Each structure stands twice: as C-alpha cells, then as structure tokens.
Amino acid sequence: MLNTGTNRQEKMELVIIENLVPKDHLLRKIDRYIDFSFINEICRPYYCENIGRPAIEPEIMFRMLFIGYLYG
C-alpha cells in the first residue's frame, strides 16, 4: 500500500520514561540496592585509553546482560 504523506504529526506528545515504569518494578529495586559502578573499575585495565573507537561502558553492558538473564 502506498502512503501519500497525508498522515502528518499534528501534536507533540510528551513521554517521561520514569512514568512508564511502575514504582515497585523489580529493576527499580535492583537499581536502588545494587551499585554496579565497581564493574567499570574492574574492566578498566582491559580497555585502551587512546586507540580504537569509544566502547560502551562495561557497567551498561553488564546491566544489559543482567536484564537478559532475568527476563530470558
């Protein structure tokens, strides 16, 4: 089906991510009680400071793996 471009956005919608996640959600509880910042310090020797592309922080990668493990 070919769209003719008549469906244009007329209003702006404000979405606040904090409002999308319930206050008693498991991931909020984990974030409140577990400090994952130690992972960056553990992994620091394995990353080069001046060669290559900037990497995703190891803490973020660990959080993504953790969520994948929890939610399968």
PDB file of N, CA and C in Angstrom:
ATOM      1  N   MET A   1       0.839  -1.158   0.000  1.00  0.00           N
ATOM      2  CA  MET A   1       0.000   0.000   0.000  1.00  0.00           C
ATOM      3  C   MET A   1       0.895   1.235   0.000  1.00  0.00           C
ATOM      4  N   LEU A   2       0.564   2.184  -0.826  1.00  0.00           N
ATOM      5  CA  LEU A   2       1.346   3.403  -0.963  1.00  0.00           C
ATOM      6  C   LEU A   2       0.737   4.514  -0.123  1.00  0.00           C
ATOM      7  N   ASN A   3       1.566   5.092   0.745  1.00  0.00           N
ATOM      8  CA  ASN A   3       1.108   6.230   1.540  1.00  0.00           C
ATOM      9  C   ASN A   3       1.380   7.515   0.770  1.00  0.00           C
ATOM     10  N   THR A   4       0.447   8.431   0.852  1.00  0.00           N
ATOM     11  CA  THR A   4       0.597   9.689   0.125  1.00  0.00           C
ATOM     12  C   THR A   4       1.170  10.799   0.990  1.00  0.00           C
ATOM     13  N   GLY A   5       1.500  10.520   2.224  1.00  0.00           N
ATOM     14  CA  GLY A   5       2.086  11.523   3.097  1.00  0.00           C
ATOM     15  C   GLY A   5       1.070  12.432   3.756  1.00  0.00           C
ATOM     16  N   THR A   6      -0.199  12.009   3.785  1.00  0.00           N
ATOM     17  CA  THR A   6      -1.224  12.850   4.393  1.00  0.00           C
ATOM     18  C   THR A   6      -1.299  12.655   5.902  1.00  0.00           C
ATOM     19  N   ASN A   7      -0.708  11.601   6.415  1.00  0.00           N
ATOM     20  CA  ASN A   7      -0.720  11.346   7.855  1.00  0.00           C
ATOM     21  C   ASN A   7       0.482  12.028   8.504  1.00  0.00           C
ATOM     22  N   ARG A   8       0.317  13.262   8.863  1.00  0.00           N
ATOM     23  CA  ARG A   8       1.408  14.022   9.477  1.00  0.00           C
ATOM     24  C   ARG A   8       1.104  14.223  10.957  1.00  0.00           C
ATOM     25  N   GLN A   9       2.157  14.293  11.714  1.00  0.00           N
ATOM     26  CA  GLN A   9       2.001  14.532  13.135  1.00  0.00           C
ATOM     27  C   GLN A   9       1.569  15.976  13.360  1.00  0.00           C
ATOM     28  N   GLU A  10       0.474  16.154  14.062  1.00  0.00           N
ATOM     29  CA  GLU A  10      -0.042  17.488  14.309  1.00  0.00           C
ATOM     30  C   GLU A  10       0.190  17.951  15.743  1.00  0.00           C
ATOM     31  N   LYS A  11       0.350  17.004  16.656  1.00  0.00           N
ATOM     32  CA  LYS A  11       0.538  17.348  18.054  1.00  0.00           C
ATOM     33  C   LYS A  11       1.804  16.690  18.571  1.00  0.00           C
ATOM     34  N   MET A  12       2.396  17.332  19.542  1.00  0.00           N
ATOM     35  CA  MET A  12       3.575  16.771  20.168  1.00  0.00           C
ATOM     36  C   MET A  12       3.144  16.059  21.449  1.00  0.00           C
ATOM     37  N   GLU A  13       3.692  14.877  21.664  1.00  0.00           N
ATOM     38  CA  GLU A  13       3.349  14.107  22.854  1.00  0.00           C
ATOM     39  C   GLU A  13       4.565  14.033  23.759  1.00  0.00           C
ATOM     40  N   LEU A  14       4.399  14.376  25.010  1.00  0.00           N
ATOM     41  CA  LEU A  14       5.481  14.339  25.989  1.00  0.00           C
ATOM     42  C   LEU A  14       5.445  12.994  26.699  1.00  0.00           C
ATOM     43  N   VAL A  15       6.536  12.252  26.587  1.00  0.00           N
ATOM     44  CA  VAL A  15       6.641  10.954  27.231  1.00  0.00           C
ATOM     45  C   VAL A  15       7.795  11.013  28.216  1.00  0.00           C
ATOM     46  N   ILE A  16       7.509  10.722  29.475  1.00  0.00           N
ATOM     47  CA  ILE A  16       8.525  10.688  30.519  1.00  0.00           C
ATOM     48  C   ILE A  16       8.742   9.234  30.892  1.00  0.00           C
ATOM     49  N   ILE A  17       9.954   8.754  30.652  1.00  0.00           N
ATOM     50  CA  ILE A  17      10.257   7.334  30.854  1.00  0.00           C
ATOM     51  C   ILE A  17      10.012   6.922  32.303  1.00  0.00           C
ATOM     52  N   GLU A  18      10.310   7.796  33.250  1.00  0.00           N
ATOM     53  CA  GLU A  18      10.103   7.486  34.665  1.00  0.00           C
ATOM     54  C   GLU A  18       8.646   7.127  34.947  1.00  0.00           C
ATOM     55  N   ASN A  19       7.720   7.699  34.201  1.00  0.00           N
ATOM     56  CA  ASN A  19       6.298   7.425  34.416  1.00  0.00           C
ATOM     57  C   ASN A  19       5.855   6.112  33.777  1.00  0.00           C
ATOM     58  N   LEU A  20       6.654   5.553  32.887  1.00  0.00           N
ATOM     59  CA  LEU A  20       6.277   4.315  32.209  1.00  0.00           C
ATOM     60  C   LEU A  20       6.588   3.073  33.040  1.00  0.00           C
ATOM     61  N   VAL A  21       7.556   3.187  33.951  1.00  0.00           N
ATOM     62  CA  VAL A  21       7.974   2.045  34.769  1.00  0.00           C
ATOM     63  C   VAL A  21       7.343   2.186  36.149  1.00  0.00           C
ATOM     64  N   PRO A  22       6.620   1.162  36.607  1.00  0.00           N
ATOM     65  CA  PRO A  22       5.990   1.243  37.931  1.00  0.00           C
ATOM     66  C   PRO A  22       7.018   1.438  39.042  1.00  0.00           C
ATOM     67  N   LYS A  23       6.595   2.093  40.120  1.00  0.00           N
ATOM     68  CA  LYS A  23       7.500   2.393  41.244  1.00  0.00           C
ATOM     69  C   LYS A  23       8.003   1.134  41.939  1.00  0.00           C
ATOM     70  N   ASP A  24       7.231   0.042  41.917  1.00  0.00           N
ATOM     71  CA  ASP A  24       7.630  -1.185  42.604  1.00  0.00           C
ATOM     72  C   ASP A  24       8.199  -2.242  41.643  1.00  0.00           C
ATOM     73  N   HIS A  25       8.648  -1.830  40.469  1.00  0.00           N
ATOM     74  CA  HIS A  25       9.206  -2.754  39.476  1.00  0.00           C
ATOM     75  C   HIS A  25      10.517  -3.360  39.969  1.00  0.00           C
ATOM     76  N   LEU A  26      10.779  -4.601  39.617  1.00  0.00           N
ATOM     77  CA  LEU A  26      11.974  -5.316  40.057  1.00  0.00           C
ATOM     78  C   LEU A  26      13.252  -4.570  39.682  1.00  0.00           C
ATOM     79  N   LEU A  27      13.330  -4.025  38.485  1.00  0.00           N
ATOM     80  CA  LEU A  27      14.549  -3.336  38.062  1.00  0.00           C
ATOM     81  C   LEU A  27      14.792  -2.057  38.852  1.00  0.00           C
ATOM     82  N   ARG A  28      13.747  -1.391  39.302  1.00  0.00           N
ATOM     83  CA  ARG A  28      13.926  -0.221  40.164  1.00  0.00           C
ATOM     84  C   ARG A  28      14.513  -0.648  41.507  1.00  0.00           C
ATOM     85  N   LYS A  29      14.062  -1.780  42.030  1.00  0.00           N
ATOM     86  CA  LYS A  29      14.580  -2.273  43.303  1.00  0.00           C
ATOM     87  C   LYS A  29      16.052  -2.656  43.172  1.00  0.00           C
ATOM     88  N   ILE A  30      16.399  -3.317  42.084  1.00  0.00           N
ATOM     89  CA  ILE A  30      17.792  -3.694  41.849  1.00  0.00           C
ATOM     90  C   ILE A  30      18.656  -2.449  41.744  1.00  0.00           C
ATOM     91  N   ASP A  31      18.195  -1.454  41.024  1.00  0.00           N
ATOM     92  CA  ASP A  31      18.958  -0.217  40.859  1.00  0.00           C
ATOM     93  C   ASP A  31      19.133   0.519  42.188  1.00  0.00           C
ATOM     94  N   ARG A  32      18.145   0.420  43.055  1.00  0.00           N
ATOM     95  CA  ARG A  32      18.205   1.104  44.340  1.00  0.00           C
ATOM     96  C   ARG A  32      19.221   0.457  45.289  1.00  0.00           C
ATOM     97  N   TYR A  33      19.342  -0.875  45.250  1.00  0.00           N
ATOM     98  CA  TYR A  33      20.139  -1.576  46.249  1.00  0.00           C
ATOM     99  C   TYR A  33      21.501  -2.070  45.773  1.00  0.00           C
ATOM    100  N   ILE A  34      21.702  -2.193  44.474  1.00  0.00           N
ATOM    101  CA  ILE A  34      22.978  -2.714  43.968  1.00  0.00           C
ATOM    102  C   ILE A  34      23.699  -1.615  43.198  1.00  0.00           C
ATOM    103  N   ASP A  35      24.930  -1.356  43.588  1.00  0.00           N
ATOM    104  CA  ASP A  35      25.759  -0.362  42.912  1.00  0.00           C
ATOM    105  C   ASP A  35      26.701  -1.107  41.958  1.00  0.00           C
ATOM    106  N   PHE A  36      26.476  -0.958  40.658  1.00  0.00           N
ATOM    107  CA  PHE A  36      27.260  -1.672  39.652  1.00  0.00           C
ATOM    108  C   PHE A  36      28.510  -0.902  39.210  1.00  0.00           C
ATOM    109  N   SER A  37      28.809   0.204  39.841  1.00  0.00           N
ATOM    110  CA  SER A  37      29.930   1.033  39.395  1.00  0.00           C
ATOM    111  C   SER A  37      31.285   0.331  39.545  1.00  0.00           C
ATOM    112  N   PHE A  38      31.367  -0.685  40.387  1.00  0.00           N
ATOM    113  CA  PHE A  38      32.630  -1.407  40.562  1.00  0.00           C
ATOM    114  C   PHE A  38      33.063  -2.120  39.280  1.00  0.00           C
ATOM    115  N   ILE A  39      32.127  -2.409  38.400  1.00  0.00           N
ATOM    116  CA  ILE A  39      32.441  -3.139  37.170  1.00  0.00           C
ATOM    117  C   ILE A  39      33.356  -2.313  36.271  1.00  0.00           C
ATOM    118  N   ASN A  40      33.131  -1.016  36.192  1.00  0.00           N
ATOM    119  CA  ASN A  40      33.999  -0.155  35.374  1.00  0.00           C
ATOM    120  C   ASN A  40      35.436  -0.208  35.862  1.00  0.00           C
ATOM    121  N   GLU A  41      35.640  -0.204  37.174  1.00  0.00           N
ATOM    122  CA  GLU A  41      36.999  -0.240  37.723  1.00  0.00           C
ATOM    123  C   GLU A  41      37.666  -1.587  37.471  1.00  0.00           C
ATOM    124  N   ILE A  42      36.914  -2.661  37.567  1.00  0.00           N
ATOM    125  CA  ILE A  42      37.469  -3.991  37.306  1.00  0.00           C
ATOM    126  C   ILE A  42      37.908  -4.118  35.849  1.00  0.00           C
ATOM    127  N   CYS A  43      37.116  -3.572  34.934  1.00  0.00           N
ATOM    128  CA  CYS A  43      37.384  -3.728  33.499  1.00  0.00           C
ATOM    129  C   CYS A  43      38.330  -2.683  32.925  1.00  0.00           C
ATOM    130  N   ARG A  44      38.643  -1.629  33.661  1.00  0.00           N
ATOM    131  CA  ARG A  44      39.468  -0.541  33.153  1.00  0.00           C
ATOM    132  C   ARG A  44      40.792  -1.011  32.546  1.00  0.00           C
ATOM    133  N   PRO A  45      41.530  -1.958  33.142  1.00  0.00           N
ATOM    134  CA  PRO A  45      42.810  -2.377  32.552  1.00  0.00           C
ATOM    135  C   PRO A  45      42.686  -3.052  31.185  1.00  0.00           C
ATOM    136  N   TYR A  46      41.505  -3.510  30.839  1.00  0.00           N
ATOM    137  CA  TYR A  46      41.313  -4.241  29.588  1.00  0.00           C
ATOM    138  C   TYR A  46      40.903  -3.340  28.418  1.00  0.00           C
ATOM    139  N   TYR A  47      40.746  -2.049  28.676  1.00  0.00           N
ATOM    140  CA  TYR A  47      40.367  -1.099  27.646  1.00  0.00           C
ATOM    141  C   TYR A  47      41.513  -0.128  27.393  1.00  0.00           C
ATOM    142  N   CYS A  48      41.804   0.136  26.131  1.00  0.00           N
ATOM    143  CA  CYS A  48      42.853   1.080  25.773  1.00  0.00           C
ATOM    144  C   CYS A  48      42.302   2.503  25.874  1.00  0.00           C
ATOM    145  N   GLU A  49      43.104   3.404  26.411  1.00  0.00           N
ATOM    146  CA  GLU A  49      42.664   4.787  26.617  1.00  0.00           C
ATOM    147  C   GLU A  49      42.675   5.621  25.340  1.00  0.00           C
ATOM    148  N   ASN A  50      43.563   5.299  24.366  1.00  0.00           N
ATOM    149  CA  ASN A  50      43.729   6.216  23.240  1.00  0.00           C
ATOM    150  C   ASN A  50      43.686   5.555  21.858  1.00  0.00           C
ATOM    151  N   ILE A  51      43.454   4.276  21.751  1.00  0.00           N
ATOM    152  CA  ILE A  51      43.409   3.610  20.447  1.00  0.00           C
ATOM    153  C   ILE A  51      42.046   2.948  20.282  1.00  0.00           C
ATOM    154  N   GLY A  52      41.471   3.114  19.114  1.00  0.00           N
ATOM    155  CA  GLY A  52      40.207   2.460  18.808  1.00  0.00           C
ATOM    156  C   GLY A  52      39.003   3.354  19.047  1.00  0.00           C
ATOM    157  N   ARG A  53      37.856   2.781  18.781  1.00  0.00           N
ATOM    158  CA  ARG A  53      36.605   3.517  18.964  1.00  0.00           C
ATOM    159  C   ARG A  53      36.210   3.525  20.434  1.00  0.00           C
ATOM    160  N   PRO A  54      35.447   4.520  20.840  1.00  0.00           N
ATOM    161  CA  PRO A  54      34.957   4.537  22.227  1.00  0.00           C
ATOM    162  C   PRO A  54      34.035   3.333  22.469  1.00  0.00           C
ATOM    163  N   ALA A  55      34.227   2.686  23.582  1.00  0.00           N
ATOM    164  CA  ALA A  55      33.438   1.495  23.903  1.00  0.00           C
ATOM    165  C   ALA A  55      32.219   1.868  24.730  1.00  0.00           C
ATOM    166  N   ILE A  56      31.249   0.975  24.724  1.00  0.00           N
ATOM    167  CA  ILE A  56      30.126   1.104  25.639  1.00  0.00           C
ATOM    168  C   ILE A  56      30.657   0.773  27.028  1.00  0.00           C
ATOM    169  N   GLU A  57      30.242   1.515  28.024  1.00  0.00           N
ATOM    170  CA  GLU A  57      30.732   1.281  29.378  1.00  0.00           C
ATOM    171  C   GLU A  57      30.446  -0.157  29.794  1.00  0.00           C
ATOM    172  N   PRO A  58      31.411  -0.811  30.416  1.00  0.00           N
ATOM    173  CA  PRO A  58      31.200  -2.188  30.879  1.00  0.00           C
ATOM    174  C   PRO A  58      30.006  -2.308  31.831  1.00  0.00           C
ATOM    175  N   GLU A  59      29.762  -1.279  32.628  1.00  0.00           N
ATOM    176  CA  GLU A  59      28.620  -1.315  33.544  1.00  0.00           C
ATOM    177  C   GLU A  59      27.311  -1.438  32.767  1.00  0.00           C
ATOM    178  N   ILE A  60      27.186  -0.683  31.674  1.00  0.00           N
ATOM    179  CA  ILE A  60      25.970  -0.735  30.847  1.00  0.00           C
ATOM    180  C   ILE A  60      25.828  -2.105  30.198  1.00  0.00           C
ATOM    181  N   MET A  61      26.944  -2.635  29.695  1.00  0.00           N
ATOM    182  CA  MET A  61      26.908  -3.965  29.080  1.00  0.00           C
ATOM    183  C   MET A  61      26.476  -5.019  30.102  1.00  0.00           C
ATOM    184  N   PHE A  62      27.019  -4.918  31.321  1.00  0.00           N
ATOM    185  CA  PHE A  62      26.648  -5.867  32.366  1.00  0.00           C
ATOM    186  C   PHE A  62      25.171  -5.746  32.706  1.00  0.00           C
ATOM    187  N   ARG A  63      24.668  -4.511  32.794  1.00  0.00           N
ATOM    188  CA  ARG A  63      23.242  -4.323  33.090  1.00  0.00           C
ATOM    189  C   ARG A  63      22.368  -4.952  31.993  1.00  0.00           C
ATOM    190  N   MET A  64      22.774  -4.793  30.743  1.00  0.00           N
ATOM    191  CA  MET A  64      22.008  -5.375  29.638  1.00  0.00           C
ATOM    192  C   MET A  64      22.016  -6.904  29.722  1.00  0.00           C
ATOM    193  N   LEU A  65      23.173  -7.495  30.022  1.00  0.00           N
ATOM    194  CA  LEU A  65      23.253  -8.947  30.183  1.00  0.00           C
ATOM    195  C   LEU A  65      22.417  -9.412  31.373  1.00  0.00           C
ATOM    196  N   PHE A  66      22.451  -8.655  32.454  1.00  0.00           N
ATOM    197  CA  PHE A  66      21.692  -8.975  33.658  1.00  0.00           C
ATOM    198  C   PHE A  66      20.190  -8.986  33.367  1.00  0.00           C
ATOM    199  N   ILE A  67      19.717  -7.972  32.646  1.00  0.00           N
ATOM    200  CA  ILE A  67      18.299  -7.911  32.277  1.00  0.00           C
ATOM    201  C   ILE A  67      17.943  -9.082  31.366  1.00  0.00           C
ATOM    202  N   GLY A  68      18.835  -9.399  30.416  1.00  0.00           N
ATOM    203  CA  GLY A  68      18.593 -10.538  29.541  1.00  0.00           C
ATOM    204  C   GLY A  68      18.509 -11.844  30.317  1.00  0.00           C
ATOM    205  N   TYR A  69      19.346 -11.989  31.337  1.00  0.00           N
ATOM    206  CA  TYR A  69      19.298 -13.188  32.176  1.00  0.00           C
ATOM    207  C   TYR A  69      18.007 -13.245  32.976  1.00  0.00           C
ATOM    208  N   LEU A  70      17.612 -12.114  33.551  1.00  0.00           N
ATOM    209  CA  LEU A  70      16.386 -12.090  34.380  1.00  0.00           C
ATOM    210  C   LEU A  70      15.132 -12.352  33.572  1.00  0.00           C
ATOM    211  N   TYR A  71      15.074 -11.782  32.382  1.00  0.00           N
ATOM    212  CA  TYR A  71      13.832 -11.856  31.601  1.00  0.00           C
ATOM    213  C   TYR A  71      13.906 -12.833  30.430  1.00  0.00           C
ATOM    214  N   GLY A  72      15.004 -13.556  30.316  1.00  0.00           N
ATOM    215  CA  GLY A  72      15.157 -14.622  29.354  1.00  0.00           C
ATOM    216  C   GLY A  72      14.979 -14.209  27.940  1.00  0.00           C
TER     217      GLY A  72
END
